[in-house]
Amino acid sequence: MRLSLASWNVNSVRLRLPQVEQFLKSNDIDVLCLQEIKCQEHEFPRDAFEALGYPHIHIAGQKGWHGVALVSRVPFDAQATPTFCRRSEARAQAIRIGDIDIWNFYIPAGGDLPDREANDKFDHKLTFYERLTDDLARRGVDKPLLICGDLNIAPGEFDVWSHRQMLRVVSHTPAEIAAFDALMRAGALHDPFRVAYPDPQKIFTWWSYRAADFRKSNRGLRLDHILLNPGLMAKVGDRIAAKIHDTVREWDRPSDHAPIQVEFHYD
């Protein structure tokens, strides 16, 4: 069987609906995981997605901020909401397609100061990672699992525009890199994007709105991820492709994040 899944921090699903529609019409996507939808469940543009051929919809909304949603062409079973966010914000959801669990996350950005004691937002972020990492360690690696979303850490030297300068900036500090590494080790997670785009190629999924020409400055970060555990890799093998749709960032009134996509065939 084949599954094509995309993840996108859309930065307001209602505001970016024309871009989302264009993206889905231009690409063969089975499941679209959205983050930062910035709406409550009853405000989600369900009819628009159903008209595009995505009748299976799961929403974890919140007034004003945050929120995640998942739309699919194929049926799925909604699972209990993962409890990794200690503030009970709408930042996580889980579904199952066949025997594959899919977790969609919008992990907190962490504020500006990389100090857990002085900055509760940073502590909130690292606590999310610690809870997720502990859960993966208890879960084991045999049950197929895909983790995706805006994970708000650029973990590698070539996931940031300047490794040296970004080590002092939240998203790429040593504490965050260590947290991401612990997550990867706990779940024995596979990163298909570093197979598709090997080091030392720099790859980004986010560019600040402050740059008039994001291509010219190219001060990007890879904050968005799709990760596969060994249980899923055993079903997929090398039948997997990964792509960053960075041209979407060039569209009119874009999100500051670009969509990312994996496609795989599985037994």
C-alpha atoms as a PDB file:
ATOM      1  CA  MET A   1       0.000   0.000   0.000  1.00  0.00           C
ATOM      2  CA  ARG A   2       0.997   3.617  -0.504  1.00  0.00           C
ATOM      3  CA  LEU A   3       0.703   6.567   1.862  1.00  0.00           C
ATOM      4  CA  SER A   4       1.657  10.165   1.126  1.00  0.00           C
ATOM      5  CA  LEU A   5       1.691  12.442   4.169  1.00  0.00           C
ATOM      6  CA  ALA A   6       2.460  16.149   4.432  1.00  0.00           C
ATOM      7  CA  SER A   7       3.016  18.324   7.486  1.00  0.00           C
ATOM      8  CA  TRP A   8       2.615  22.096   7.480  1.00  0.00           C
ATOM      9  CA  ASN A   9       2.605  24.833  10.108  1.00  0.00           C
ATOM     10  CA  VAL A  10       0.035  26.869   8.248  1.00  0.00           C
ATOM     11  CA  ASN A  11      -0.037  29.858  10.641  1.00  0.00           C
ATOM     12  CA  SER A  12      -3.865  30.236  10.552  1.00  0.00           C
ATOM     13  CA  VAL A  13      -5.802  27.735   8.472  1.00  0.00           C
ATOM     14  CA  ARG A  14      -8.572  30.201   7.666  1.00  0.00           C
ATOM     15  CA  LEU A  15      -6.203  32.923   6.515  1.00  0.00           C
ATOM     16  CA  ARG A  16      -4.112  30.495   4.430  1.00  0.00           C
ATOM     17  CA  LEU A  17      -6.997  28.445   3.055  1.00  0.00           C
ATOM     18  CA  PRO A  18      -6.346  29.518  -0.575  1.00  0.00           C
ATOM     19  CA  GLN A  19      -2.718  28.393  -0.262  1.00  0.00           C
ATOM     20  CA  VAL A  20      -3.747  25.099   1.342  1.00  0.00           C
ATOM     21  CA  GLU A  21      -6.240  24.468  -1.452  1.00  0.00           C
ATOM     22  CA  GLN A  22      -3.587  25.235  -4.071  1.00  0.00           C
ATOM     23  CA  PHE A  23      -1.097  22.926  -2.380  1.00  0.00           C
ATOM     24  CA  LEU A  24      -3.527  20.004  -2.181  1.00  0.00           C
ATOM     25  CA  LYS A  25      -4.667  20.458  -5.777  1.00  0.00           C
ATOM     26  CA  SER A  26      -1.042  20.517  -6.970  1.00  0.00           C
ATOM     27  CA  ASN A  27       0.235  17.519  -4.990  1.00  0.00           C
ATOM     28  CA  ASP A  28      -0.889  13.951  -4.413  1.00  0.00           C
ATOM     29  CA  ILE A  29      -1.346  13.979  -0.629  1.00  0.00           C
ATOM     30  CA  ASP A  30      -3.332  11.365   1.313  1.00  0.00           C
ATOM     31  CA  VAL A  31      -2.954  12.882   4.792  1.00  0.00           C
ATOM     32  CA  LEU A  32      -2.248  16.518   5.656  1.00  0.00           C
ATOM     33  CA  CYS A  33      -1.184  17.344   9.210  1.00  0.00           C
ATOM     34  CA  LEU A  34      -1.559  21.031  10.095  1.00  0.00           C
ATOM     35  CA  GLN A  35      -0.165  23.013  12.994  1.00  0.00           C
ATOM     36  CA  GLU A  36      -0.930  26.458  14.393  1.00  0.00           C
ATOM     37  CA  ILE A  37      -4.403  26.448  12.887  1.00  0.00           C
ATOM     38  CA  LYS A  38      -5.455  29.314  15.200  1.00  0.00           C
ATOM     39  CA  CYS A  39      -9.129  28.419  15.419  1.00  0.00           C
ATOM     40  CA  GLN A  40     -11.609  26.460  17.460  1.00  0.00           C
ATOM     41  CA  GLU A  41     -13.081  23.233  16.166  1.00  0.00           C
ATOM     42  CA  HIS A  42     -16.356  24.805  15.021  1.00  0.00           C
ATOM     43  CA  GLU A  43     -14.409  27.487  13.113  1.00  0.00           C
ATOM     44  CA  PHE A  44     -12.338  25.030  11.079  1.00  0.00           C
ATOM     45  CA  PRO A  45     -13.172  25.217   7.318  1.00  0.00           C
ATOM     46  CA  ARG A  46     -14.348  21.634   7.194  1.00  0.00           C
ATOM     47  CA  ASP A  47     -16.507  22.105   4.080  1.00  0.00           C
ATOM     48  CA  ALA A  48     -13.549  23.305   2.019  1.00  0.00           C
ATOM     49  CA  PHE A  49     -11.520  20.200   2.824  1.00  0.00           C
ATOM     50  CA  GLU A  50     -14.429  17.884   2.170  1.00  0.00           C
ATOM     51  CA  ALA A  51     -14.878  19.542  -1.236  1.00  0.00           C
ATOM     52  CA  LEU A  52     -11.219  18.803  -1.982  1.00  0.00           C
ATOM     53  CA  GLY A  53     -11.754  15.117  -1.248  1.00  0.00           C
ATOM     54  CA  TYR A  54     -10.635  15.032   2.395  1.00  0.00           C
ATOM     55  CA  PRO A  55     -13.745  13.883   4.304  1.00  0.00           C
ATOM     56  CA  HIS A  56     -11.891  12.408   7.280  1.00  0.00           C
ATOM     57  CA  ILE A  57     -11.033  15.253   9.642  1.00  0.00           C
ATOM     58  CA  HIS A  58      -9.665  15.400  13.177  1.00  0.00           C
ATOM     59  CA  ILE A  59      -9.321  18.782  14.918  1.00  0.00           C
ATOM     60  CA  ALA A  60      -7.787  19.860  18.215  1.00  0.00           C
ATOM     61  CA  GLY A  61      -8.577  23.559  18.225  1.00  0.00           C
ATOM     62  CA  GLN A  62      -8.174  26.432  20.617  1.00  0.00           C
ATOM     63  CA  LYS A  63      -9.379  30.014  20.684  1.00  0.00           C
ATOM     64  CA  GLY A  64      -6.875  32.440  19.226  1.00  0.00           C
ATOM     65  CA  TRP A  65      -3.691  30.403  19.206  1.00  0.00           C
ATOM     66  CA  HIS A  66      -2.049  27.025  18.722  1.00  0.00           C
ATOM     67  CA  GLY A  67      -4.215  24.157  17.477  1.00  0.00           C
ATOM     68  CA  VAL A  68      -3.531  21.145  15.275  1.00  0.00           C
ATOM     69  CA  ALA A  69      -5.672  19.409  12.677  1.00  0.00           C
ATOM     70  CA  LEU A  70      -5.463  16.420  10.409  1.00  0.00           C
ATOM     71  CA  VAL A  71      -7.373  15.882   7.148  1.00  0.00           C
ATOM     72  CA  SER A  72      -7.286  12.657   5.173  1.00  0.00           C
ATOM     73  CA  ARG A  73      -8.541  11.019   2.015  1.00  0.00           C
ATOM     74  CA  VAL A  74      -8.353   7.633   3.754  1.00  0.00           C
ATOM     75  CA  PRO A  75     -10.275   6.587   6.862  1.00  0.00           C
ATOM     76  CA  PHE A  76      -8.524   6.621  10.219  1.00  0.00           C
ATOM     77  CA  ASP A  77      -9.263   5.938  13.861  1.00  0.00           C
ATOM     78  CA  ALA A  78      -8.784   8.894  16.204  1.00  0.00           C
ATOM     79  CA  GLN A  79      -6.730   8.009  19.284  1.00  0.00           C
ATOM     80  CA  ALA A  80      -6.525   9.540  22.735  1.00  0.00           C
ATOM     81  CA  THR A  81      -4.785  12.923  22.802  1.00  0.00           C
ATOM     82  CA  PRO A  82      -1.129  12.564  23.851  1.00  0.00           C
ATOM     83  CA  THR A  83      -0.549  14.317  27.188  1.00  0.00           C
ATOM     84  CA  PHE A  84       2.898  15.769  26.650  1.00  0.00           C
ATOM     85  CA  CYS A  85       1.846  19.424  26.956  1.00  0.00           C
ATOM     86  CA  ARG A  86       1.687  20.355  30.643  1.00  0.00           C
ATOM     87  CA  ARG A  87      -0.429  23.466  29.923  1.00  0.00           C
ATOM     88  CA  SER A  88      -3.148  21.436  28.199  1.00  0.00           C
ATOM     89  CA  GLU A  89      -2.860  23.609  25.105  1.00  0.00           C
ATOM     90  CA  ALA A  90      -4.067  22.240  21.749  1.00  0.00           C
ATOM     91  CA  ARG A  91      -0.685  21.027  20.539  1.00  0.00           C
ATOM     92  CA  ALA A  92      -1.049  17.286  19.992  1.00  0.00           C
ATOM     93  CA  GLN A  93      -3.257  14.697  18.343  1.00  0.00           C
ATOM     94  CA  ALA A  94      -3.011  11.065  17.340  1.00  0.00           C
ATOM     95  CA  ILE A  95      -4.658   8.812  14.763  1.00  0.00           C
ATOM     96  CA  ARG A  96      -4.189   5.271  13.486  1.00  0.00           C
ATOM     97  CA  ILE A  97      -4.297   4.137   9.853  1.00  0.00           C
ATOM     98  CA  GLY A  98      -4.215   0.370   9.711  1.00  0.00           C
ATOM     99  CA  ASP A  99      -1.579  -0.490  12.292  1.00  0.00           C
ATOM    100  CA  ILE A 100       0.376   2.777  11.835  1.00  0.00           C
ATOM    101  CA  ASP A 101       0.123   5.377  14.595  1.00  0.00           C
ATOM    102  CA  ILE A 102       0.521   8.994  13.453  1.00  0.00           C
ATOM    103  CA  TRP A 103       1.249  11.749  15.981  1.00  0.00           C
ATOM    104  CA  ASN A 104       0.890  15.383  14.929  1.00  0.00           C
ATOM    105  CA  PHE A 105       2.599  17.956  17.183  1.00  0.00           C
ATOM    106  CA  TYR A 106       2.994  21.691  17.494  1.00  0.00           C
ATOM    107  CA  ILE A 107       5.710  21.843  20.148  1.00  0.00           C
ATOM    108  CA  PRO A 108       6.127  25.202  21.959  1.00  0.00           C
ATOM    109  CA  ALA A 109       8.659  27.615  20.468  1.00  0.00           C
ATOM    110  CA  GLY A 110      10.175  28.355  23.885  1.00  0.00           C
ATOM    111  CA  GLY A 111      10.356  32.132  24.017  1.00  0.00           C
ATOM    112  CA  ASP A 112      13.575  34.115  23.655  1.00  0.00           C
ATOM    113  CA  LEU A 113      15.695  33.178  26.684  1.00  0.00           C
ATOM    114  CA  PRO A 114      17.245  29.678  26.775  1.00  0.00           C
ATOM    115  CA  ASP A 115      17.011  29.368  30.561  1.00  0.00           C
ATOM    116  CA  ARG A 116      14.542  26.972  32.194  1.00  0.00           C
ATOM    117  CA  GLU A 117      14.473  28.810  35.523  1.00  0.00           C
ATOM    118  CA  ALA A 118      14.168  32.333  34.137  1.00  0.00           C
ATOM    119  CA  ASN A 119      11.868  31.498  31.200  1.00  0.00           C
ATOM    120  CA  ASP A 120       8.837  29.293  31.794  1.00  0.00           C
ATOM    121  CA  LYS A 121       8.203  29.055  28.042  1.00  0.00           C
ATOM    122  CA  PHE A 122      11.582  27.408  27.561  1.00  0.00           C
ATOM    123  CA  ASP A 123      10.912  25.024  30.440  1.00  0.00           C
ATOM    124  CA  HIS A 124       7.506  24.237  28.907  1.00  0.00           C
ATOM    125  CA  LYS A 125       9.195  23.302  25.634  1.00  0.00           C
ATOM    126  CA  LEU A 126      11.804  21.046  27.192  1.00  0.00           C
ATOM    127  CA  THR A 127       9.185  19.425  29.425  1.00  0.00           C
ATOM    128  CA  PHE A 128       7.184  18.522  26.315  1.00  0.00           C
ATOM    129  CA  TYR A 129      10.277  16.886  24.847  1.00  0.00           C
ATOM    130  CA  GLU A 130      11.055  15.038  28.072  1.00  0.00           C
ATOM    131  CA  ARG A 131       7.535  13.643  28.368  1.00  0.00           C
ATOM    132  CA  LEU A 132       7.534  12.577  24.716  1.00  0.00           C
ATOM    133  CA  THR A 133      10.961  10.977  25.075  1.00  0.00           C
ATOM    134  CA  ASP A 134       9.924   9.063  28.198  1.00  0.00           C
ATOM    135  CA  ASP A 135       6.811   7.815  26.428  1.00  0.00           C
ATOM    136  CA  LEU A 136       8.821   6.560  23.464  1.00  0.00           C
ATOM    137  CA  ALA A 137      11.216   4.742  25.779  1.00  0.00           C
ATOM    138  CA  ARG A 138       8.295   2.960  27.461  1.00  0.00           C
ATOM    139  CA  ARG A 139       6.520   2.252  24.170  1.00  0.00           C
ATOM    140  CA  GLY A 140       9.388   0.436  22.537  1.00  0.00           C
ATOM    141  CA  VAL A 141      10.164   0.441  18.826  1.00  0.00           C
ATOM    142  CA  ASP A 142       8.159  -2.434  17.349  1.00  0.00           C
ATOM    143  CA  LYS A 143       4.752  -0.782  16.872  1.00  0.00           C
ATOM    144  CA  PRO A 144       4.767   1.350  13.680  1.00  0.00           C
ATOM    145  CA  LEU A 145       4.852   5.059  14.510  1.00  0.00           C
ATOM    146  CA  LEU A 146       5.211   8.282  12.528  1.00  0.00           C
ATOM    147  CA  ILE A 147       5.843  11.563  14.370  1.00  0.00           C
ATOM    148  CA  CYS A 148       5.387  14.803  12.480  1.00  0.00           C
ATOM    149  CA  GLY A 149       4.826  18.498  12.947  1.00  0.00           C
ATOM    150  CA  ASP A 150       6.457  21.747  13.889  1.00  0.00           C
ATOM    151  CA  LEU A 151       8.851  20.387  16.500  1.00  0.00           C
ATOM    152  CA  ASN A 152      10.493  23.819  16.870  1.00  0.00           C
ATOM    153  CA  ILE A 153      14.082  22.561  17.061  1.00  0.00           C
ATOM    154  CA  ALA A 154      16.606  22.673  14.239  1.00  0.00           C
ATOM    155  CA  PRO A 155      18.818  19.853  15.513  1.00  0.00           C
ATOM    156  CA  GLY A 156      21.719  19.661  13.096  1.00  0.00           C
ATOM    157  CA  GLU A 157      24.616  21.877  12.083  1.00  0.00           C
ATOM    158  CA  PHE A 158      23.214  22.043   8.557  1.00  0.00           C
ATOM    159  CA  ASP A 159      19.611  22.643   9.696  1.00  0.00           C
ATOM    160  CA  VAL A 160      20.393  26.306  10.453  1.00  0.00           C
ATOM    161  CA  TRP A 161      21.827  29.138   8.411  1.00  0.00           C
ATOM    162  CA  SER A 162      24.702  29.618  10.886  1.00  0.00           C
ATOM    163  CA  HIS A 163      25.504  26.907  13.408  1.00  0.00           C
ATOM    164  CA  ARG A 164      27.897  29.131  15.354  1.00  0.00           C
ATOM    165  CA  GLN A 165      25.542  32.107  15.675  1.00  0.00           C
ATOM    166  CA  MET A 166      22.383  30.072  16.261  1.00  0.00           C
ATOM    167  CA  LEU A 167      23.846  28.188  19.240  1.00  0.00           C
ATOM    168  CA  ARG A 168      22.841  31.195  21.320  1.00  0.00           C
ATOM    169  CA  VAL A 169      19.322  31.433  19.870  1.00  0.00           C
ATOM    170  CA  VAL A 170      16.292  29.413  21.006  1.00  0.00           C
ATOM    171  CA  SER A 171      15.619  26.614  18.483  1.00  0.00           C
ATOM    172  CA  HIS A 172      19.266  25.534  18.169  1.00  0.00           C
ATOM    173  CA  THR A 173      20.774  25.894  21.640  1.00  0.00           C
ATOM    174  CA  PRO A 174      22.798  23.035  23.150  1.00  0.00           C
ATOM    175  CA  ALA A 175      19.967  22.138  25.558  1.00  0.00           C
ATOM    176  CA  GLU A 176      17.505  21.814  22.677  1.00  0.00           C
ATOM    177  CA  ILE A 177      19.896  19.866  20.485  1.00  0.00           C
ATOM    178  CA  ALA A 178      20.417  17.473  23.402  1.00  0.00           C
ATOM    179  CA  ALA A 179      16.645  17.135  23.895  1.00  0.00           C
ATOM    180  CA  PHE A 180      16.129  16.324  20.219  1.00  0.00           C
ATOM    181  CA  ASP A 181      18.978  13.815  20.263  1.00  0.00           C
ATOM    182  CA  ALA A 182      17.482  12.111  23.323  1.00  0.00           C
ATOM    183  CA  LEU A 183      14.141  11.869  21.511  1.00  0.00           C
ATOM    184  CA  MET A 184      15.749  10.329  18.435  1.00  0.00           C
ATOM    185  CA  ARG A 185      17.659   7.781  20.524  1.00  0.00           C
ATOM    186  CA  ALA A 186      14.655   6.833  22.690  1.00  0.00           C
ATOM    187  CA  GLY A 187      12.559   6.030  19.635  1.00  0.00           C
ATOM    188  CA  ALA A 188      15.440   4.935  17.373  1.00  0.00           C
ATOM    189  CA  LEU A 189      13.840   7.359  14.929  1.00  0.00           C
ATOM    190  CA  HIS A 190      14.677   7.633  11.240  1.00  0.00           C
ATOM    191  CA  ASP A 191      14.929  11.058   9.565  1.00  0.00           C
ATOM    192  CA  PRO A 192      14.092  10.561   5.854  1.00  0.00           C
ATOM    193  CA  PHE A 193      14.953  14.160   4.989  1.00  0.00           C
ATOM    194  CA  ARG A 194      18.626  13.690   5.808  1.00  0.00           C
ATOM    195  CA  VAL A 195      18.580  10.722   3.442  1.00  0.00           C
ATOM    196  CA  ALA A 196      16.973  12.791   0.689  1.00  0.00           C
ATOM    197  CA  TYR A 197      19.146  15.845   1.456  1.00  0.00           C
ATOM    198  CA  PRO A 198      22.429  14.513   2.917  1.00  0.00           C
ATOM    199  CA  ASP A 199      24.814  16.593   5.002  1.00  0.00           C
ATOM    200  CA  PRO A 200      26.433  19.033   4.394  1.00  0.00           C
ATOM    201  CA  GLN A 201      23.497  20.311   2.317  1.00  0.00           C
ATOM    202  CA  LYS A 202      21.629  22.986   4.254  1.00  0.00           C
ATOM    203  CA  ILE A 203      17.870  22.468   4.322  1.00  0.00           C
ATOM    204  CA  PHE A 204      15.285  24.753   5.883  1.00  0.00           C
ATOM    205  CA  THR A 205      11.517  24.715   6.417  1.00  0.00           C
ATOM    206  CA  TRP A 206      11.117  28.142   8.043  1.00  0.00           C
ATOM    207  CA  TRP A 207      12.172  31.653   7.108  1.00  0.00           C
ATOM    208  CA  SER A 208      11.390  34.831   9.037  1.00  0.00           C
ATOM    209  CA  TYR A 209       8.842  37.286   7.683  1.00  0.00           C
ATOM    210  CA  ARG A 210      11.364  40.039   8.459  1.00  0.00           C
ATOM    211  CA  ALA A 211      13.386  39.302   5.322  1.00  0.00           C
ATOM    212  CA  ALA A 212      12.008  41.103   2.275  1.00  0.00           C
ATOM    213  CA  ASP A 213      13.511  38.394   0.060  1.00  0.00           C
ATOM    214  CA  PHE A 214      13.817  35.149   2.001  1.00  0.00           C
ATOM    215  CA  ARG A 215      15.661  33.467  -0.866  1.00  0.00           C
ATOM    216  CA  LYS A 216      18.330  36.159  -0.967  1.00  0.00           C
ATOM    217  CA  SER A 217      19.005  36.249   2.781  1.00  0.00           C
ATOM    218  CA  ASN A 218      18.271  32.504   3.196  1.00  0.00           C
ATOM    219  CA  ARG A 219      18.511  32.680   6.979  1.00  0.00           C
ATOM    220  CA  GLY A 220      16.340  29.652   7.486  1.00  0.00           C
ATOM    221  CA  LEU A 221      15.836  26.886  10.033  1.00  0.00           C
ATOM    222  CA  ARG A 222      14.608  23.294   9.728  1.00  0.00           C
ATOM    223  CA  LEU A 223      11.951  23.280  12.422  1.00  0.00           C
ATOM    224  CA  ASP A 224       9.488  20.881  10.789  1.00  0.00           C
ATOM    225  CA  HIS A 225      10.056  17.134  10.831  1.00  0.00           C
ATOM    226  CA  ILE A 226       8.586  13.775   9.859  1.00  0.00           C
ATOM    227  CA  LEU A 227      10.194  10.893  11.751  1.00  0.00           C
ATOM    228  CA  LEU A 228       9.653   7.138  11.441  1.00  0.00           C
ATOM    229  CA  ASN A 229      10.341   4.518  14.087  1.00  0.00           C
ATOM    230  CA  PRO A 230      11.848   1.042  13.447  1.00  0.00           C
ATOM    231  CA  GLY A 231       8.439  -0.632  13.488  1.00  0.00           C
ATOM    232  CA  LEU A 232       7.357   1.518  10.557  1.00  0.00           C
ATOM    233  CA  MET A 233      10.734   1.308   8.807  1.00  0.00           C
ATOM    234  CA  ALA A 234      10.428  -2.483   8.905  1.00  0.00           C
ATOM    235  CA  LYS A 235       7.250  -2.140   6.807  1.00  0.00           C
ATOM    236  CA  VAL A 236       8.690   0.557   4.530  1.00  0.00           C
ATOM    237  CA  GLY A 237      12.302  -0.437   3.941  1.00  0.00           C
ATOM    238  CA  ASP A 238      13.849   1.845   1.337  1.00  0.00           C
ATOM    239  CA  ARG A 239      10.508   2.567  -0.332  1.00  0.00           C
ATOM    240  CA  ILE A 240      10.340   6.102   0.978  1.00  0.00           C
ATOM    241  CA  ALA A 241      10.816   9.571  -0.481  1.00  0.00           C
ATOM    242  CA  ALA A 242      10.960  12.944   1.268  1.00  0.00           C
ATOM    243  CA  LYS A 243      10.473  16.459  -0.089  1.00  0.00           C
ATOM    244  CA  ILE A 244      10.458  20.036   1.231  1.00  0.00           C
ATOM    245  CA  HIS A 245       8.014  22.198  -0.744  1.00  0.00           C
ATOM    246  CA  ASP A 246       9.963  25.413  -0.264  1.00  0.00           C
ATOM    247  CA  THR A 247       8.447  27.067  -3.350  1.00  0.00           C
ATOM    248  CA  VAL A 248       5.183  27.380  -1.373  1.00  0.00           C
ATOM    249  CA  ARG A 249       7.007  29.954   0.769  1.00  0.00           C
ATOM    250  CA  GLU A 250       7.136  32.139  -2.378  1.00  0.00           C
ATOM    251  CA  TRP A 251       3.355  32.267  -2.772  1.00  0.00           C
ATOM    252  CA  ASP A 252       1.214  35.279  -1.961  1.00  0.00           C
ATOM    253  CA  ARG A 253       0.643  35.811   1.790  1.00  0.00           C
ATOM    254  CA  PRO A 254       2.490  32.621   2.776  1.00  0.00           C
ATOM    255  CA  SER A 255       3.018  30.942   6.087  1.00  0.00           C
ATOM    256  CA  ASP A 256       6.541  31.396   7.371  1.00  0.00           C
ATOM    257  CA  HIS A 257       6.835  27.582   7.215  1.00  0.00           C
ATOM    258  CA  ALA A 258       6.956  25.415   4.083  1.00  0.00           C
ATOM    259  CA  PRO A 259       5.116  22.085   3.817  1.00  0.00           C
ATOM    260  CA  ILE A 260       7.149  18.887   4.037  1.00  0.00           C
ATOM    261  CA  GLN A 261       6.115  15.526   2.612  1.00  0.00           C
ATOM    262  CA  VAL A 262       6.981  11.849   2.817  1.00  0.00           C
ATOM    263  CA  GLU A 263       5.648   9.127   0.561  1.00  0.00           C
ATOM    264  CA  PHE A 264       6.155   5.462   1.232  1.00  0.00           C
ATOM    265  CA  HIS A 265       4.908   2.046   0.243  1.00  0.00           C
ATOM    266  CA  TYR A 266       4.356  -0.515   2.959  1.00  0.00           C
ATOM    267  CA  ASP A 267       3.307  -4.097   3.422  1.00  0.00           C
END
